[in-house]
Amino acid sequence: MSLEEAIRKTVLDCIGQNILKEYLEKHKKVVVNMIVAEWDMDIALKVQEEESEVRGFENGMANERRKTARAMKAEGMDADTIARITGLTVDDILRM
Protein backbone atom coordinates (compact mmCIF):
# COMPACT_ATOMS: atom_id res chain seq x y z
CA MET A 1 0.00 0.00 0.00
CA SER A 2 1.35 3.43 -0.89
CA LEU A 3 1.76 6.17 1.67
CA GLU A 4 -1.15 8.10 0.17
CA GLU A 5 -3.42 5.03 0.25
CA ALA A 6 -2.45 4.41 3.88
CA ILE A 7 -3.25 8.01 4.80
CA ARG A 8 -6.62 7.88 3.02
CA LYS A 9 -7.45 4.62 4.82
CA THR A 10 -6.44 6.13 8.16
CA VAL A 11 -8.63 9.18 7.59
CA LEU A 12 -11.60 6.95 6.72
CA ASP A 13 -10.91 4.79 9.79
CA CYS A 14 -10.89 7.91 11.97
CA ILE A 15 -14.22 9.01 10.50
CA GLY A 16 -15.62 5.53 11.15
CA GLN A 17 -14.50 5.71 14.78
CA ASN A 18 -15.85 9.26 15.30
CA ILE A 19 -12.34 10.66 15.68
CA LEU A 20 -12.50 14.24 14.35
CA LYS A 21 -15.41 12.94 12.27
CA GLU A 22 -17.06 16.26 11.36
CA TYR A 23 -13.76 17.96 10.53
CA LEU A 24 -12.44 15.05 8.48
CA GLU A 25 -15.69 14.67 6.58
CA LYS A 26 -15.50 18.32 5.56
CA HIS A 27 -11.75 18.50 4.97
CA LYS A 28 -10.51 14.96 4.24
CA LYS A 29 -9.07 15.90 0.85
CA VAL A 30 -7.12 18.82 2.34
CA VAL A 31 -5.90 16.70 5.25
CA VAL A 32 -4.66 13.92 2.96
CA ASN A 33 -3.00 16.40 0.62
CA MET A 34 -1.29 18.23 3.48
CA ILE A 35 0.07 15.01 4.96
CA VAL A 36 1.22 13.59 1.63
CA ALA A 37 2.76 16.84 0.40
CA GLU A 38 5.84 18.42 1.86
CA TRP A 39 4.63 20.80 4.56
CA ASP A 40 4.94 24.45 3.64
CA MET A 41 4.04 27.27 6.05
CA ASP A 42 2.88 29.62 3.28
CA ILE A 43 0.57 26.99 1.81
CA ALA A 44 -0.77 26.07 5.25
CA LEU A 45 -1.56 29.71 6.01
CA LYS A 46 -3.26 30.14 2.63
CA VAL A 47 -5.42 27.04 3.21
CA GLN A 48 -6.34 28.30 6.67
CA GLU A 49 -7.28 31.70 5.24
CA GLU A 50 -9.43 30.11 2.52
CA GLU A 51 -11.21 27.90 5.04
CA SER A 52 -11.86 30.93 7.22
CA GLU A 53 -13.36 32.79 4.25
CA VAL A 54 -15.62 29.83 3.47
CA ARG A 55 -16.81 29.63 7.08
CA GLY A 56 -17.49 33.38 7.07
CA PHE A 57 -19.48 33.08 3.86
CA GLU A 58 -21.46 30.11 5.21
CA ASN A 59 -22.21 31.98 8.44
CA GLY A 60 -23.33 35.03 6.46
CA MET A 61 -25.64 32.90 4.33
CA ALA A 62 -27.11 31.25 7.43
CA ASN A 63 -27.74 34.66 9.00
CA GLU A 64 -29.47 35.85 5.83
CA ARG A 65 -31.69 32.74 5.77
CA ARG A 66 -32.72 33.38 9.40
CA LYS A 67 -33.36 37.07 8.65
CA THR A 68 -35.50 36.15 5.65
CA ALA A 69 -37.39 33.56 7.69
CA ARG A 70 -38.15 36.11 10.41
CA ALA A 71 -39.49 38.54 7.82
CA MET A 72 -41.63 35.84 6.21
CA LYS A 73 -42.97 34.77 9.60
CA ALA A 74 -43.80 38.40 10.44
CA GLU A 75 -45.81 38.54 7.20
CA GLY A 76 -47.85 35.56 8.39
CA MET A 77 -46.40 32.80 6.22
CA ASP A 78 -46.70 29.29 7.62
CA ALA A 79 -43.61 27.53 8.99
CA ASP A 80 -43.68 24.70 6.41
CA THR A 81 -43.54 27.16 3.51
CA ILE A 82 -40.80 29.19 5.17
CA ALA A 83 -38.80 26.02 5.81
CA ARG A 84 -39.15 24.89 2.20
CA ILE A 85 -38.00 28.27 0.86
CA THR A 86 -35.18 29.03 3.32
CA GLY A 87 -33.86 25.53 4.00
CA LEU A 88 -34.27 26.01 7.75
CA THR A 89 -36.09 23.45 9.85
CA VAL A 90 -39.68 23.98 10.95
CA ASP A 91 -38.49 23.74 14.59
CA ASP A 92 -35.97 26.56 14.01
CA ILE A 93 -38.69 28.71 12.49
CA LEU A 94 -41.16 28.02 15.29
CA ARG A 95 -38.51 29.04 17.86
CA MET A 96 -38.04 32.44 16.20
PDB file of N, CA and C in Angstrom:
ATOM      1  N   MET A   1       0.867  -1.178   0.000  1.00  0.00           N
ATOM      2  CA  MET A   1       0.000   0.000   0.000  1.00  0.00           C
ATOM      3  C   MET A   1       0.910   1.237   0.000  1.00  0.00           C
ATOM      4  N   SER A   2       0.559   2.204  -0.836  1.00  0.00           N
ATOM      5  CA  SER A   2       1.354   3.430  -0.889  1.00  0.00           C
ATOM      6  C   SER A   2       1.076   4.293   0.341  1.00  0.00           C
ATOM      7  N   LEU A   3       1.945   5.253   0.554  1.00  0.00           N
ATOM      8  CA  LEU A   3       1.761   6.172   1.672  1.00  0.00           C
ATOM      9  C   LEU A   3       0.423   6.899   1.558  1.00  0.00           C
ATOM     10  N   GLU A   4       0.099   7.372   0.360  1.00  0.00           N
ATOM     11  CA  GLU A   4      -1.152   8.101   0.169  1.00  0.00           C
ATOM     12  C   GLU A   4      -2.355   7.209   0.447  1.00  0.00           C
ATOM     13  N   GLU A   5      -2.321   5.963  -0.015  1.00  0.00           N
ATOM     14  CA  GLU A   5      -3.425   5.029   0.253  1.00  0.00           C
ATOM     15  C   GLU A   5      -3.558   4.777   1.753  1.00  0.00           C
ATOM     16  N   ALA A   6      -2.430   4.646   2.435  1.00  0.00           N
ATOM     17  CA  ALA A   6      -2.455   4.414   3.884  1.00  0.00           C
ATOM     18  C   ALA A   6      -3.050   5.613   4.620  1.00  0.00           C
ATOM     19  N   ILE A   7      -2.705   6.801   4.175  1.00  0.00           N
ATOM     20  CA  ILE A   7      -3.248   8.012   4.805  1.00  0.00           C
ATOM     21  C   ILE A   7      -4.749   8.112   4.562  1.00  0.00           C
ATOM     22  N   ARG A   8      -5.180   7.855   3.326  1.00  0.00           N
ATOM     23  CA  ARG A   8      -6.618   7.883   3.022  1.00  0.00           C
ATOM     24  C   ARG A   8      -7.374   6.866   3.877  1.00  0.00           C
ATOM     25  N   LYS A   9      -6.816   5.658   4.008  1.00  0.00           N
ATOM     26  CA  LYS A   9      -7.447   4.623   4.818  1.00  0.00           C
ATOM     27  C   LYS A   9      -7.525   5.058   6.281  1.00  0.00           C
ATOM     28  N   THR A  10      -6.465   5.663   6.771  1.00  0.00           N
ATOM     29  CA  THR A  10      -6.438   6.126   8.159  1.00  0.00           C
ATOM     30  C   THR A  10      -7.488   7.197   8.392  1.00  0.00           C
ATOM     31  N   VAL A  11      -7.617   8.135   7.460  1.00  0.00           N
ATOM     32  CA  VAL A  11      -8.633   9.182   7.589  1.00  0.00           C
ATOM     33  C   VAL A  11     -10.027   8.557   7.623  1.00  0.00           C
ATOM     34  N   LEU A  12     -10.293   7.613   6.731  1.00  0.00           N
ATOM     35  CA  LEU A  12     -11.600   6.949   6.719  1.00  0.00           C
ATOM     36  C   LEU A  12     -11.837   6.156   8.001  1.00  0.00           C
ATOM     37  N   ASP A  13     -10.781   5.508   8.521  1.00  0.00           N
ATOM     38  CA  ASP A  13     -10.907   4.788   9.789  1.00  0.00           C
ATOM     39  C   ASP A  13     -11.247   5.751  10.924  1.00  0.00           C
ATOM     40  N   CYS A  14     -10.606   6.916  10.938  1.00  0.00           N
ATOM     41  CA  CYS A  14     -10.887   7.914  11.972  1.00  0.00           C
ATOM     42  C   CYS A  14     -12.347   8.365  11.890  1.00  0.00           C
ATOM     43  N   ILE A  15     -12.827   8.615  10.682  1.00  0.00           N
ATOM     44  CA  ILE A  15     -14.224   9.009  10.504  1.00  0.00           C
ATOM     45  C   ILE A  15     -15.142   7.911  11.027  1.00  0.00           C
ATOM     46  N   GLY A  16     -14.816   6.662  10.705  1.00  0.00           N
ATOM     47  CA  GLY A  16     -15.624   5.530  11.149  1.00  0.00           C
ATOM     48  C   GLY A  16     -15.652   5.363  12.651  1.00  0.00           C
ATOM     49  N   GLN A  17     -14.591   5.829  13.320  1.00  0.00           N
ATOM     50  CA  GLN A  17     -14.503   5.713  14.778  1.00  0.00           C
ATOM     51  C   GLN A  17     -14.855   7.021  15.496  1.00  0.00           C
ATOM     52  N   ASN A  18     -15.449   7.956  14.749  1.00  0.00           N
ATOM     53  CA  ASN A  18     -15.852   9.260  15.296  1.00  0.00           C
ATOM     54  C   ASN A  18     -14.687  10.072  15.845  1.00  0.00           C
ATOM     55  N   ILE A  19     -13.509   9.879  15.285  1.00  0.00           N
ATOM     56  CA  ILE A  19     -12.342  10.662  15.677  1.00  0.00           C
ATOM     57  C   ILE A  19     -12.254  11.833  14.698  1.00  0.00           C
ATOM     58  N   LEU A  20     -12.486  13.042  15.201  1.00  0.00           N
ATOM     59  CA  LEU A  20     -12.495  14.237  14.355  1.00  0.00           C
ATOM     60  C   LEU A  20     -13.436  14.066  13.157  1.00  0.00           C
ATOM     61  N   LYS A  21     -14.515  13.334  13.358  1.00  0.00           N
ATOM     62  CA  LYS A  21     -15.406  12.941  12.268  1.00  0.00           C
ATOM     63  C   LYS A  21     -15.900  14.131  11.446  1.00  0.00           C
ATOM     64  N   GLU A  22     -16.497  15.130  12.103  1.00  0.00           N
ATOM     65  CA  GLU A  22     -17.061  16.257  11.365  1.00  0.00           C
ATOM     66  C   GLU A  22     -15.985  16.997  10.581  1.00  0.00           C
ATOM     67  N   TYR A  23     -14.842  17.237  11.205  1.00  0.00           N
ATOM     68  CA  TYR A  23     -13.760  17.957  10.532  1.00  0.00           C
ATOM     69  C   TYR A  23     -13.242  17.156   9.342  1.00  0.00           C
ATOM     70  N   LEU A  24     -12.991  15.875   9.560  1.00  0.00           N
ATOM     71  CA  LEU A  24     -12.437  15.054   8.482  1.00  0.00           C
ATOM     72  C   LEU A  24     -13.425  14.864   7.338  1.00  0.00           C
ATOM     73  N   GLU A  25     -14.708  14.787   7.654  1.00  0.00           N
ATOM     74  CA  GLU A  25     -15.695  14.667   6.581  1.00  0.00           C
ATOM     75  C   GLU A  25     -15.683  15.917   5.699  1.00  0.00           C
ATOM     76  N   LYS A  26     -15.513  17.073   6.316  1.00  0.00           N
ATOM     77  CA  LYS A  26     -15.500  18.319   5.559  1.00  0.00           C
ATOM     78  C   LYS A  26     -14.174  18.537   4.838  1.00  0.00           C
ATOM     79  N   HIS A  27     -13.069  18.106   5.454  1.00  0.00           N
ATOM     80  CA  HIS A  27     -11.748  18.497   4.966  1.00  0.00           C
ATOM     81  C   HIS A  27     -10.824  17.322   4.653  1.00  0.00           C
ATOM     82  N   LYS A  28     -11.380  16.128   4.411  1.00  0.00           N
ATOM     83  CA  LYS A  28     -10.513  14.964   4.240  1.00  0.00           C
ATOM     84  C   LYS A  28      -9.532  15.124   3.088  1.00  0.00           C
ATOM     85  N   LYS A  29      -9.962  15.718   1.996  1.00  0.00           N
ATOM     86  CA  LYS A  29      -9.065  15.902   0.854  1.00  0.00           C
ATOM     87  C   LYS A  29      -7.888  16.803   1.229  1.00  0.00           C
ATOM     88  N   VAL A  30      -8.170  17.889   1.921  1.00  0.00           N
ATOM     89  CA  VAL A  30      -7.116  18.816   2.340  1.00  0.00           C
ATOM     90  C   VAL A  30      -6.171  18.134   3.318  1.00  0.00           C
ATOM     91  N   VAL A  31      -6.732  17.390   4.259  1.00  0.00           N
ATOM     92  CA  VAL A  31      -5.904  16.695   5.247  1.00  0.00           C
ATOM     93  C   VAL A  31      -4.961  15.714   4.557  1.00  0.00           C
ATOM     94  N   VAL A  32      -5.498  14.901   3.672  1.00  0.00           N
ATOM     95  CA  VAL A  32      -4.661  13.920   2.961  1.00  0.00           C
ATOM     96  C   VAL A  32      -3.586  14.641   2.164  1.00  0.00           C
ATOM     97  N   ASN A  33      -3.976  15.671   1.428  1.00  0.00           N
ATOM     98  CA  ASN A  33      -3.004  16.398   0.618  1.00  0.00           C
ATOM     99  C   ASN A  33      -1.908  17.047   1.465  1.00  0.00           C
ATOM    100  N   MET A  34      -2.285  17.578   2.621  1.00  0.00           N
ATOM    101  CA  MET A  34      -1.289  18.226   3.476  1.00  0.00           C
ATOM    102  C   MET A  34      -0.319  17.208   4.065  1.00  0.00           C
ATOM    103  N   ILE A  35      -0.811  16.020   4.380  1.00  0.00           N
ATOM    104  CA  ILE A  35       0.071  15.005   4.958  1.00  0.00           C
ATOM    105  C   ILE A  35       0.979  14.415   3.894  1.00  0.00           C
ATOM    106  N   VAL A  36       0.443  14.179   2.710  1.00  0.00           N
ATOM    107  CA  VAL A  36       1.223  13.589   1.627  1.00  0.00           C
ATOM    108  C   VAL A  36       2.272  14.583   1.110  1.00  0.00           C
ATOM    109  N   ALA A  37       1.864  15.826   0.956  1.00  0.00           N
ATOM    110  CA  ALA A  37       2.761  16.842   0.399  1.00  0.00           C
ATOM    111  C   ALA A  37       3.777  17.278   1.442  1.00  0.00           C
ATOM    112  N   GLU A  38       4.841  17.835   0.952  1.00  0.00           N
ATOM    113  CA  GLU A  38       5.836  18.419   1.860  1.00  0.00           C
ATOM    114  C   GLU A  38       5.185  19.625   2.514  1.00  0.00           C
ATOM    115  N   TRP A  39       5.288  19.721   3.825  1.00  0.00           N
ATOM    116  CA  TRP A  39       4.631  20.800   4.555  1.00  0.00           C
ATOM    117  C   TRP A  39       5.295  22.126   4.220  1.00  0.00           C
ATOM    118  N   ASP A  40       4.463  23.121   3.994  1.00  0.00           N
ATOM    119  CA  ASP A  40       4.944  24.448   3.640  1.00  0.00           C
ATOM    120  C   ASP A  40       4.102  25.466   4.407  1.00  0.00           C
ATOM    121  N   MET A  41       4.743  26.304   5.199  1.00  0.00           N
ATOM    122  CA  MET A  41       4.041  27.273   6.045  1.00  0.00           C
ATOM    123  C   MET A  41       3.170  28.214   5.218  1.00  0.00           C
ATOM    124  N   ASP A  42       3.662  28.702   4.103  1.00  0.00           N
ATOM    125  CA  ASP A  42       2.878  29.621   3.277  1.00  0.00           C
ATOM    126  C   ASP A  42       1.610  28.954   2.759  1.00  0.00           C
ATOM    127  N   ILE A  43       1.738  27.719   2.308  1.00  0.00           N
ATOM    128  CA  ILE A  43       0.571  26.989   1.807  1.00  0.00           C
ATOM    129  C   ILE A  43      -0.416  26.733   2.943  1.00  0.00           C
ATOM    130  N   ALA A  44       0.100  26.333   4.103  1.00  0.00           N
ATOM    131  CA  ALA A  44      -0.769  26.072   5.250  1.00  0.00           C
ATOM    132  C   ALA A  44      -1.543  27.323   5.644  1.00  0.00           C
ATOM    133  N   LEU A  45      -0.888  28.466   5.653  1.00  0.00           N
ATOM    134  CA  LEU A  45      -1.562  29.715   6.005  1.00  0.00           C
ATOM    135  C   LEU A  45      -2.610  30.093   4.959  1.00  0.00           C
ATOM    136  N   LYS A  46      -2.300  29.842   3.698  1.00  0.00           N
ATOM    137  CA  LYS A  46      -3.263  30.142   2.632  1.00  0.00           C
ATOM    138  C   LYS A  46      -4.503  29.256   2.766  1.00  0.00           C
ATOM    139  N   VAL A  47      -4.297  27.972   3.029  1.00  0.00           N
ATOM    140  CA  VAL A  47      -5.419  27.041   3.207  1.00  0.00           C
ATOM    141  C   VAL A  47      -6.271  27.479   4.394  1.00  0.00           C
ATOM    142  N   GLN A  48      -5.616  27.853   5.484  1.00  0.00           N
ATOM    143  CA  GLN A  48      -6.340  28.299   6.675  1.00  0.00           C
ATOM    144  C   GLN A  48      -7.157  29.556   6.363  1.00  0.00           C
ATOM    145  N   GLU A  49      -6.580  30.480   5.616  1.00  0.00           N
ATOM    146  CA  GLU A  49      -7.284  31.705   5.237  1.00  0.00           C
ATOM    147  C   GLU A  49      -8.494  31.393   4.359  1.00  0.00           C
ATOM    148  N   GLU A  50      -8.319  30.487   3.402  1.00  0.00           N
ATOM    149  CA  GLU A  50      -9.428  30.115   2.521  1.00  0.00           C
ATOM    150  C   GLU A  50     -10.550  29.438   3.295  1.00  0.00           C
ATOM    151  N   GLU A  51     -10.187  28.564   4.226  1.00  0.00           N
ATOM    152  CA  GLU A  51     -11.206  27.898   5.041  1.00  0.00           C
ATOM    153  C   GLU A  51     -11.953  28.903   5.893  1.00  0.00           C
ATOM    154  N   SER A  52     -11.242  29.890   6.414  1.00  0.00           N
ATOM    155  CA  SER A  52     -11.863  30.926   7.223  1.00  0.00           C
ATOM    156  C   SER A  52     -12.848  31.743   6.386  1.00  0.00           C
ATOM    157  N   GLU A  53     -12.467  32.050   5.141  1.00  0.00           N
ATOM    158  CA  GLU A  53     -13.359  32.788   4.248  1.00  0.00           C
ATOM    159  C   GLU A  53     -14.619  31.985   3.954  1.00  0.00           C
ATOM    160  N   VAL A  54     -14.463  30.692   3.744  1.00  0.00           N
ATOM    161  CA  VAL A  54     -15.621  29.835   3.468  1.00  0.00           C
ATOM    162  C   VAL A  54     -16.547  29.803   4.672  1.00  0.00           C
ATOM    163  N   ARG A  55     -15.976  29.645   5.870  1.00  0.00           N
ATOM    164  CA  ARG A  55     -16.807  29.630   7.080  1.00  0.00           C
ATOM    165  C   ARG A  55     -17.542  30.955   7.247  1.00  0.00           C
ATOM    166  N   GLY A  56     -16.859  32.064   6.974  1.00  0.00           N
ATOM    167  CA  GLY A  56     -17.492  33.381   7.071  1.00  0.00           C
ATOM    168  C   GLY A  56     -18.640  33.510   6.091  1.00  0.00           C
ATOM    169  N   PHE A  57     -18.434  33.044   4.871  1.00  0.00           N
ATOM    170  CA  PHE A  57     -19.482  33.079   3.856  1.00  0.00           C
ATOM    171  C   PHE A  57     -20.667  32.227   4.282  1.00  0.00           C
ATOM    172  N   GLU A  58     -20.376  31.006   4.769  1.00  0.00           N
ATOM    173  CA  GLU A  58     -21.458  30.108   5.206  1.00  0.00           C
ATOM    174  C   GLU A  58     -22.231  30.719   6.366  1.00  0.00           C
ATOM    175  N   ASN A  59     -21.529  31.345   7.317  1.00  0.00           N
ATOM    176  CA  ASN A  59     -22.211  31.984   8.445  1.00  0.00           C
ATOM    177  C   ASN A  59     -23.077  33.146   7.965  1.00  0.00           C
ATOM    178  N   GLY A  60     -22.567  33.915   7.018  1.00  0.00           N
ATOM    179  CA  GLY A  60     -23.334  35.027   6.462  1.00  0.00           C
ATOM    180  C   GLY A  60     -24.598  34.546   5.770  1.00  0.00           C
ATOM    181  N   MET A  61     -24.471  33.457   5.015  1.00  0.00           N
ATOM    182  CA  MET A  61     -25.638  32.896   4.334  1.00  0.00           C
ATOM    183  C   MET A  61     -26.665  32.392   5.347  1.00  0.00           C
ATOM    184  N   ALA A  62     -26.198  31.753   6.404  1.00  0.00           N
ATOM    185  CA  ALA A  62     -27.110  31.246   7.432  1.00  0.00           C
ATOM    186  C   ALA A  62     -27.834  32.406   8.115  1.00  0.00           C
ATOM    187  N   ASN A  63     -27.110  33.484   8.388  1.00  0.00           N
ATOM    188  CA  ASN A  63     -27.741  34.665   9.002  1.00  0.00           C
ATOM    189  C   ASN A  63     -28.797  35.260   8.084  1.00  0.00           C
ATOM    190  N   GLU A  64     -28.503  35.316   6.794  1.00  0.00           N
ATOM    191  CA  GLU A  64     -29.474  35.846   5.830  1.00  0.00           C
ATOM    192  C   GLU A  64     -30.722  34.974   5.746  1.00  0.00           C
ATOM    193  N   ARG A  65     -30.531  33.642   5.800  1.00  0.00           N
ATOM    194  CA  ARG A  65     -31.694  32.741   5.774  1.00  0.00           C
ATOM    195  C   ARG A  65     -32.568  32.965   6.999  1.00  0.00           C
ATOM    196  N   ARG A  66     -31.939  33.132   8.176  1.00  0.00           N
ATOM    197  CA  ARG A  66     -32.721  33.376   9.396  1.00  0.00           C
ATOM    198  C   ARG A  66     -33.440  34.727   9.318  1.00  0.00           C
ATOM    199  N   LYS A  67     -32.755  35.736   8.797  1.00  0.00           N
ATOM    200  CA  LYS A  67     -33.360  37.070   8.653  1.00  0.00           C
ATOM    201  C   LYS A  67     -34.561  37.001   7.712  1.00  0.00           C
ATOM    202  N   THR A  68     -34.405  36.313   6.603  1.00  0.00           N
ATOM    203  CA  THR A  68     -35.501  36.151   5.645  1.00  0.00           C
ATOM    204  C   THR A  68     -36.662  35.400   6.284  1.00  0.00           C
ATOM    205  N   ALA A  69     -36.347  34.350   7.027  1.00  0.00           N
ATOM    206  CA  ALA A  69     -37.391  33.558   7.687  1.00  0.00           C
ATOM    207  C   ALA A  69     -38.172  34.403   8.687  1.00  0.00           C
ATOM    208  N   ARG A  70     -37.455  35.238   9.454  1.00  0.00           N
ATOM    209  CA  ARG A  70     -38.148  36.108  10.415  1.00  0.00           C
ATOM    210  C   ARG A  70     -39.105  37.061   9.693  1.00  0.00           C
ATOM    211  N   ALA A  71     -38.645  37.618   8.582  1.00  0.00           N
ATOM    212  CA  ALA A  71     -39.494  38.543   7.823  1.00  0.00           C
ATOM    213  C   ALA A  71     -40.717  37.813   7.261  1.00  0.00           C
ATOM    214  N   MET A  72     -40.516  36.616   6.758  1.00  0.00           N
ATOM    215  CA  MET A  72     -41.627  35.836   6.208  1.00  0.00           C
ATOM    216  C   MET A  72     -42.629  35.483   7.306  1.00  0.00           C
ATOM    217  N   LYS A  73     -42.099  35.116   8.472  1.00  0.00           N
ATOM    218  CA  LYS A  73     -42.969  34.774   9.599  1.00  0.00           C
ATOM    219  C   LYS A  73     -43.765  35.999  10.039  1.00  0.00           C
ATOM    220  N   ALA A  74     -43.110  37.160  10.061  1.00  0.00           N
ATOM    221  CA  ALA A  74     -43.797  38.397  10.443  1.00  0.00           C
ATOM    222  C   ALA A  74     -44.914  38.749   9.459  1.00  0.00           C
ATOM    223  N   GLU A  75     -44.771  38.304   8.222  1.00  0.00           N
ATOM    224  CA  GLU A  75     -45.807  38.538   7.203  1.00  0.00           C
ATOM    225  C   GLU A  75     -46.916  37.494   7.259  1.00  0.00           C
ATOM    226  N   GLY A  76     -46.791  36.533   8.186  1.00  0.00           N
ATOM    227  CA  GLY A  76     -47.849  35.556   8.387  1.00  0.00           C
ATOM    228  C   GLY A  76     -47.722  34.270   7.594  1.00  0.00           C
ATOM    229  N   MET A  77     -46.578  34.048   6.973  1.00  0.00           N
ATOM    230  CA  MET A  77     -46.399  32.802   6.218  1.00  0.00           C
ATOM    231  C   MET A  77     -46.273  31.628   7.184  1.00  0.00           C
ATOM    232  N   ASP A  78     -46.756  30.466   6.751  1.00  0.00           N
ATOM    233  CA  ASP A  78     -46.701  29.291   7.618  1.00  0.00           C
ATOM    234  C   ASP A  78     -45.279  28.710   7.657  1.00  0.00           C
ATOM    235  N   ALA A  79     -44.962  28.037   8.745  1.00  0.00           N
ATOM    236  CA  ALA A  79     -43.607  27.526   8.988  1.00  0.00           C
ATOM    237  C   ALA A  79     -43.160  26.524   7.931  1.00  0.00           C
ATOM    238  N   ASP A  80     -44.055  25.686   7.438  1.00  0.00           N
ATOM    239  CA  ASP A  80     -43.684  24.704   6.409  1.00  0.00           C
ATOM    240  C   ASP A  80     -43.209  25.388   5.130  1.00  0.00           C
ATOM    241  N   THR A  81     -43.917  26.422   4.720  1.00  0.00           N
ATOM    242  CA  THR A  81     -43.536  27.155   3.508  1.00  0.00           C
ATOM    243  C   THR A  81     -42.206  27.867   3.714  1.00  0.00           C
ATOM    244  N   ILE A  82     -42.054  28.492   4.858  1.00  0.00           N
ATOM    245  CA  ILE A  82     -40.801  29.190   5.169  1.00  0.00           C
ATOM    246  C   ILE A  82     -39.640  28.203   5.163  1.00  0.00           C
ATOM    247  N   ALA A  83     -39.850  27.041   5.758  1.00  0.00           N
ATOM    248  CA  ALA A  83     -38.797  26.017   5.807  1.00  0.00           C
ATOM    249  C   ALA A  83     -38.425  25.567   4.395  1.00  0.00           C
ATOM    250  N   ARG A  84     -39.405  25.346   3.572  1.00  0.00           N
ATOM    251  CA  ARG A  84     -39.146  24.892   2.199  1.00  0.00           C
ATOM    252  C   ARG A  84     -38.348  25.936   1.414  1.00  0.00           C
ATOM    253  N   ILE A  85     -38.662  27.208   1.616  1.00  0.00           N
ATOM    254  CA  ILE A  85     -38.005  28.273   0.863  1.00  0.00           C
ATOM    255  C   ILE A  85     -36.609  28.575   1.405  1.00  0.00           C
ATOM    256  N   THR A  86     -36.458  28.609   2.725  1.00  0.00           N
ATOM    257  CA  THR A  86     -35.180  29.030   3.320  1.00  0.00           C
ATOM    258  C   THR A  86     -34.216  27.877   3.573  1.00  0.00           C
ATOM    259  N   GLY A  87     -34.732  26.657   3.663  1.00  0.00           N
ATOM    260  CA  GLY A  87     -33.863  25.525   4.000  1.00  0.00           C
ATOM    261  C   GLY A  87     -33.681  25.339   5.492  1.00  0.00           C
ATOM    262  N   LEU A  88     -34.309  26.183   6.298  1.00  0.00           N
ATOM    263  CA  LEU A  88     -34.266  26.015   7.750  1.00  0.00           C
ATOM    264  C   LEU A  88     -35.261  24.934   8.153  1.00  0.00           C
ATOM    265  N   THR A  89     -35.128  24.444   9.369  1.00  0.00           N
ATOM    266  CA  THR A  89     -36.086  23.452   9.849  1.00  0.00           C
ATOM    267  C   THR A  89     -37.327  24.152  10.395  1.00  0.00           C
ATOM    268  N   VAL A  90     -38.435  23.437  10.399  1.00  0.00           N
ATOM    269  CA  VAL A  90     -39.677  23.976  10.949  1.00  0.00           C
ATOM    270  C   VAL A  90     -39.473  24.316  12.415  1.00  0.00           C
ATOM    271  N   ASP A  91     -38.757  23.462  13.162  1.00  0.00           N
ATOM    272  CA  ASP A  91     -38.490  23.735  14.588  1.00  0.00           C
ATOM    273  C   ASP A  91     -37.739  25.047  14.766  1.00  0.00           C
ATOM    274  N   ASP A  92     -36.718  25.297  13.922  1.00  0.00           N
ATOM    275  CA  ASP A  92     -35.968  26.555  14.011  1.00  0.00           C
ATOM    276  C   ASP A  92     -36.895  27.751  13.789  1.00  0.00           C
ATOM    277  N   ILE A  93     -37.766  27.617  12.819  1.00  0.00           N
ATOM    278  CA  ILE A  93     -38.686  28.708  12.495  1.00  0.00           C
ATOM    279  C   ILE A  93     -39.676  28.957  13.619  1.00  0.00           C
ATOM    280  N   LEU A  94     -40.197  27.878  14.199  1.00  0.00           N
ATOM    281  CA  LEU A  94     -41.163  28.020  15.291  1.00  0.00           C
ATOM    282  C   LEU A  94     -40.516  28.649  16.535  1.00  0.00           C
ATOM    283  N   ARG A  95     -39.212  28.459  16.717  1.00  0.00           N
ATOM    284  CA  ARG A  95     -38.510  29.042  17.865  1.00  0.00           C
ATOM    285  C   ARG A  95     -38.198  30.527  17.673  1.00  0.00           C
ATOM    286  N   MET A  96     -38.363  31.029  16.465  1.00  0.00           N
ATOM    287  CA  MET A  96     -38.038  32.444  16.199  1.00  0.00           C
ATOM    288  C   MET A  96     -39.078  33.350  16.801  1.00  0.00           C
TER     289      MET A  96
END
